[in-house]
Amino acid sequence: MGKKQRTPAEAVRKLMKSGKVKKKCCQSKPRCGRCPVLALKRLKAA
């Protein structure tokens, strides 16, 4: 029926493996869209 729900951290790990998100945060002022820290925050908020 339904798929097993992933935790936000697991989802970010899967995105890293597929190359959609970088492995480390670059910590630059204008943070990029592939930042793992921001990806985790977005998934937690959703």
Protein backbone atom coordinates (compact mmCIF):
# COMPACT_ATOMS: atom_id res chain seq x y z
CA MET A 1 0.00 0.00 0.00
CA GLY A 2 2.02 3.00 1.28
CA LYS A 3 5.76 3.55 1.23
CA LYS A 4 7.72 3.57 4.49
CA GLN A 5 8.27 7.14 5.66
CA ARG A 6 11.90 8.28 5.76
CA THR A 7 13.30 10.54 8.44
CA PRO A 8 14.58 13.87 7.07
CA ALA A 9 18.19 12.78 7.75
CA GLU A 10 17.72 9.57 5.75
CA ALA A 11 16.17 11.54 2.89
CA VAL A 12 19.14 13.93 2.80
CA ARG A 13 21.54 10.95 2.84
CA LYS A 14 19.73 9.50 -0.18
CA LEU A 15 19.95 12.86 -2.00
CA MET A 16 23.70 12.98 -1.27
CA LYS A 17 24.19 9.51 -2.70
CA SER A 18 22.31 10.42 -5.89
CA GLY A 19 24.40 13.60 -6.26
CA LYS A 20 21.55 16.06 -5.80
CA VAL A 21 23.03 17.46 -2.56
CA LYS A 22 26.69 18.06 -1.72
CA LYS A 23 28.36 15.99 1.01
CA LYS A 24 29.60 18.97 3.03
CA CYS A 25 28.35 22.48 3.65
CA CYS A 26 30.57 25.05 1.95
CA GLN A 27 29.70 27.61 4.68
CA SER A 28 29.73 30.47 2.20
CA LYS A 29 27.63 33.56 2.86
CA PRO A 30 25.28 33.15 -0.12
CA ARG A 31 24.52 29.52 0.63
CA CYS A 32 23.95 27.40 -2.46
CA GLY A 33 20.88 25.33 -3.27
CA ARG A 34 22.76 22.05 -2.91
CA CYS A 35 23.76 22.65 0.72
CA PRO A 36 23.05 19.59 2.94
CA VAL A 37 22.31 21.78 5.96
CA LEU A 38 19.63 23.74 4.11
CA ALA A 39 18.24 20.55 2.54
CA LEU A 40 17.80 19.08 6.01
CA LYS A 41 16.09 22.26 7.26
CA ARG A 42 13.72 22.27 4.26
CA LEU A 43 12.77 18.63 4.82
CA LYS A 44 12.20 19.14 8.55
CA ALA A 45 9.93 22.12 7.84
CA ALA A 46 7.86 20.24 5.25
